[in-house]
C-alpha atoms as a PDB file:
ATOM      1  CA  MET A   1       0.596   0.076  -0.080  1.00  0.00           C
ATOM      2  CA  ILE A   2       2.759   2.814   0.928  1.00  0.00           C
ATOM      3  CA  PHE A   3       4.144   1.712  -2.271  1.00  0.00           C
ATOM      4  CA  LEU A   4       1.308   2.519  -4.410  1.00  0.00           C
ATOM      5  CA  TYR A   5       1.003   6.250  -2.159  1.00  0.00           C
ATOM      6  CA  ILE A   6       4.828   6.842  -2.857  1.00  0.00           C
ATOM      7  CA  LEU A   7       4.280   5.493  -7.115  1.00  0.00           C
ATOM      8  CA  PHE A   8       0.818   8.042  -7.241  1.00  0.00           C
ATOM      9  CA  SER A   9       3.059  10.664  -5.113  1.00  0.00           C
ATOM     10  CA  VAL A  10       6.185  10.567  -7.324  1.00  0.00           C
ATOM     11  CA  TYR A  11       2.866  10.778 -10.482  1.00  0.00           C
ATOM     12  CA  ILE A  12       1.924  13.960  -9.002  1.00  0.00           C
ATOM     13  CA  LEU A  13       5.117  16.010  -9.000  1.00  0.00           C
ATOM     14  CA  SER A  14       6.318  14.238 -12.646  1.00  0.00           C
ATOM     15  CA  VAL A  15       3.017  16.117 -14.057  1.00  0.00           C
ATOM     16  CA  ASN A  16       3.677  19.762 -12.258  1.00  0.00           C
ATOM     17  CA  PHE A  17       7.257  19.464 -13.307  1.00  0.00           C
ATOM     18  CA  TYR A  18       6.943  18.467 -16.722  1.00  0.00           C
ATOM     19  CA  GLY A  19       3.849  21.385 -16.642  1.00  0.00           C
ATOM     20  CA  PHE A  20       6.022  24.148 -15.095  1.00  0.00           C
ATOM     21  CA  ARG A  21       9.151  23.290 -17.576  1.00  0.00           C
ATOM     22  CA  TYR A  22       6.594  23.096 -20.660  1.00  0.00           C
ATOM     23  CA  VAL A  23       5.562  27.010 -19.363  1.00  0.00           C
ATOM     24  CA  LYS A  24       8.556  28.159 -19.063  1.00  0.00           C
ATOM     25  CA  SER A  25      10.234  26.861 -22.820  1.00  0.00           C
ATOM     26  CA  MET A  26       6.702  28.348 -24.406  1.00  0.00           C
ATOM     27  CA  ARG A  27       7.594  31.583 -22.929  1.00  0.00           C
ATOM     28  CA  ASP A  28      11.201  31.611 -23.981  1.00  0.00           C
ATOM     29  CA  GLY A  29      10.359  30.179 -27.371  1.00  0.00           C
ATOM     30  CA  ASP A  30       7.972  33.375 -27.443  1.00  0.00           C
ATOM     31  CA  GLU A  31      10.848  35.962 -26.181  1.00  0.00           C
ATOM     32  CA  THR A  32      13.825  34.457 -29.334  1.00  0.00           C
ATOM     33  CA  GLY A  33      10.269  34.120 -31.345  1.00  0.00           C
ATOM     34  CA  GLU A  34       9.631  30.607 -31.667  1.00  0.00           C
ATOM     35  CA  SER A  35       5.984  30.032 -32.469  1.00  0.00           C
ATOM     36  CA  HIS A  36       4.629  27.295 -29.896  1.00  0.00           C
ATOM     37  CA  ALA A  37       1.818  24.714 -31.529  1.00  0.00           C
ATOM     38  CA  GLY A  38      -0.930  25.472 -29.104  1.00  0.00           C
ATOM     39  CA  ASP A  39      -2.130  25.030 -25.895  1.00  0.00           C
ATOM     40  CA  GLY A  40      -2.744  21.775 -26.251  1.00  0.00           C
ATOM     41  CA  LYS A  41      -0.018  19.653 -24.733  1.00  0.00           C
ATOM     42  CA  LEU A  42      -0.631  22.078 -21.377  1.00  0.00           C
ATOM     43  CA  PHE A  43      -4.188  21.450 -21.532  1.00  0.00           C
ATOM     44  CA  LEU A  44      -3.890  17.909 -21.638  1.00  0.00           C
ATOM     45  CA  THR A  45      -1.013  18.195 -18.851  1.00  0.00           C
ATOM     46  CA  ALA A  46      -3.390  20.000 -16.494  1.00  0.00           C
ATOM     47  CA  LEU A  47      -5.754  18.321 -16.979  1.00  0.00           C
ATOM     48  CA  LEU A  48      -3.798  14.869 -16.031  1.00  0.00           C
ATOM     49  CA  GLY A  49      -2.693  16.376 -13.000  1.00  0.00           C
ATOM     50  CA  GLY A  50      -0.580  19.641 -13.490  1.00  0.00           C
ATOM     51  CA  ALA A  51      -3.009  22.068 -13.297  1.00  0.00           C
ATOM     52  CA  PRO A  52      -2.329  24.139  -9.521  1.00  0.00           C
ATOM     53  CA  LEU A  53       1.683  24.392 -10.826  1.00  0.00           C
ATOM     54  CA  ILE A  54       0.862  25.493 -14.670  1.00  0.00           C
ATOM     55  CA  PHE A  55      -1.422  27.782 -13.574  1.00  0.00           C
ATOM     56  CA  VAL A  56       0.342  29.510 -10.648  1.00  0.00           C
ATOM     57  CA  SER A  57       3.803  29.372 -13.103  1.00  0.00           C
ATOM     58  CA  LEU A  58       1.831  31.397 -15.575  1.00  0.00           C
ATOM     59  CA  LEU A  59       1.197  33.857 -12.909  1.00  0.00           C
ATOM     60  CA  THR A  60       4.615  34.037 -11.358  1.00  0.00           C
ATOM     61  CA  MET A  61       6.018  34.070 -14.995  1.00  0.00           C
ATOM     62  CA  ARG A  62       3.587  36.604 -15.814  1.00  0.00           C
ATOM     63  CA  TYR A  63       2.733  34.683 -19.481  1.00  0.00           C
ATOM     64  CA  ARG A  64      -0.419  34.060 -21.131  1.00  0.00           C
ATOM     65  CA  GLN A  65      -2.514  36.002 -18.919  1.00  0.00           C
ATOM     66  CA  THR A  66      -4.498  37.690 -21.383  1.00  0.00           C
ATOM     67  CA  SER A  67      -5.552  34.497 -22.237  1.00  0.00           C
ATOM     68  CA  MET A  68      -9.124  34.091 -21.158  1.00  0.00           C
ATOM     69  CA  THR A  69      -9.402  30.283 -21.727  1.00  0.00           C
ATOM     70  CA  LEU A  70      -6.534  29.260 -19.785  1.00  0.00           C
ATOM     71  CA  MET A  71      -7.372  32.371 -16.763  1.00  0.00           C
ATOM     72  CA  ILE A  72     -10.968  30.090 -16.625  1.00  0.00           C
ATOM     73  CA  LEU A  73     -10.440  26.634 -17.299  1.00  0.00           C
ATOM     74  CA  LEU A  74      -7.094  25.729 -15.270  1.00  0.00           C
ATOM     75  CA  PRO A  75      -8.814  26.827 -11.992  1.00  0.00           C
ATOM     76  CA  ILE A  76     -11.695  24.256 -12.789  1.00  0.00           C
ATOM     77  CA  LEU A  77      -9.213  22.418 -13.431  1.00  0.00           C
ATOM     78  CA  ILE A  78      -6.974  22.690  -9.992  1.00  0.00           C
ATOM     79  CA  VAL A  79     -10.408  22.252  -8.185  1.00  0.00           C
ATOM     80  CA  ILE A  80     -11.461  18.338 -10.069  1.00  0.00           C
ATOM     81  CA  ASN A  81      -7.313  17.450  -9.656  1.00  0.00           C
ATOM     82  CA  ILE A  82      -7.213  18.345  -5.888  1.00  0.00           C
ATOM     83  CA  TYR A  83     -10.483  16.713  -5.880  1.00  0.00           C
ATOM     84  CA  CYS A  84      -9.026  13.181  -7.591  1.00  0.00           C
ATOM     85  CA  PHE A  85      -5.895  13.834  -5.291  1.00  0.00           C
ATOM     86  CA  PHE A  86      -7.877  13.768  -1.959  1.00  0.00           C
ATOM     87  CA  LEU A  87      -9.693  10.365  -3.341  1.00  0.00           C
ATOM     88  CA  GLY A  88      -6.494   8.834  -4.815  1.00  0.00           C
ATOM     89  CA  PHE A  89      -4.653   9.591  -1.542  1.00  0.00           C
ATOM     90  CA  ARG A  90      -7.811   9.021   1.185  1.00  0.00           C
ATOM     91  CA  GLY A  91      -6.777   5.196  -1.103  1.00  0.00           C
ATOM     92  CA  ILE A  92     -10.271   5.058  -2.886  1.00  0.00           C
ATOM     93  CA  TYR A  93      -8.243   4.116  -6.227  1.00  0.00           C
ATOM     94  CA  PHE A  94      -6.728   1.691  -3.911  1.00  0.00           C
ATOM     95  CA  MET A  95      -9.068  -0.426  -2.427  1.00  0.00           C
END
């Protein structure tokens, strides 16, 4: 049981880290003039559990704050992610 909790924690941390790195690479690409493909990967990463850190990194880096889709959808996904994390650590998924 402990192994599953550790595995779930590592998954959450890795998805959040990937989301942060992706936002940073998008911001750096815009500064150098390279265009990014779109927000599909960003939304998929947020849906898989990276929404909290993606939203925080968008606010701290002051990047894409005018995108209404990101600023409305990410807080909704944060609530869904936190609820799923709660259920996961509570043991619903593992029993």
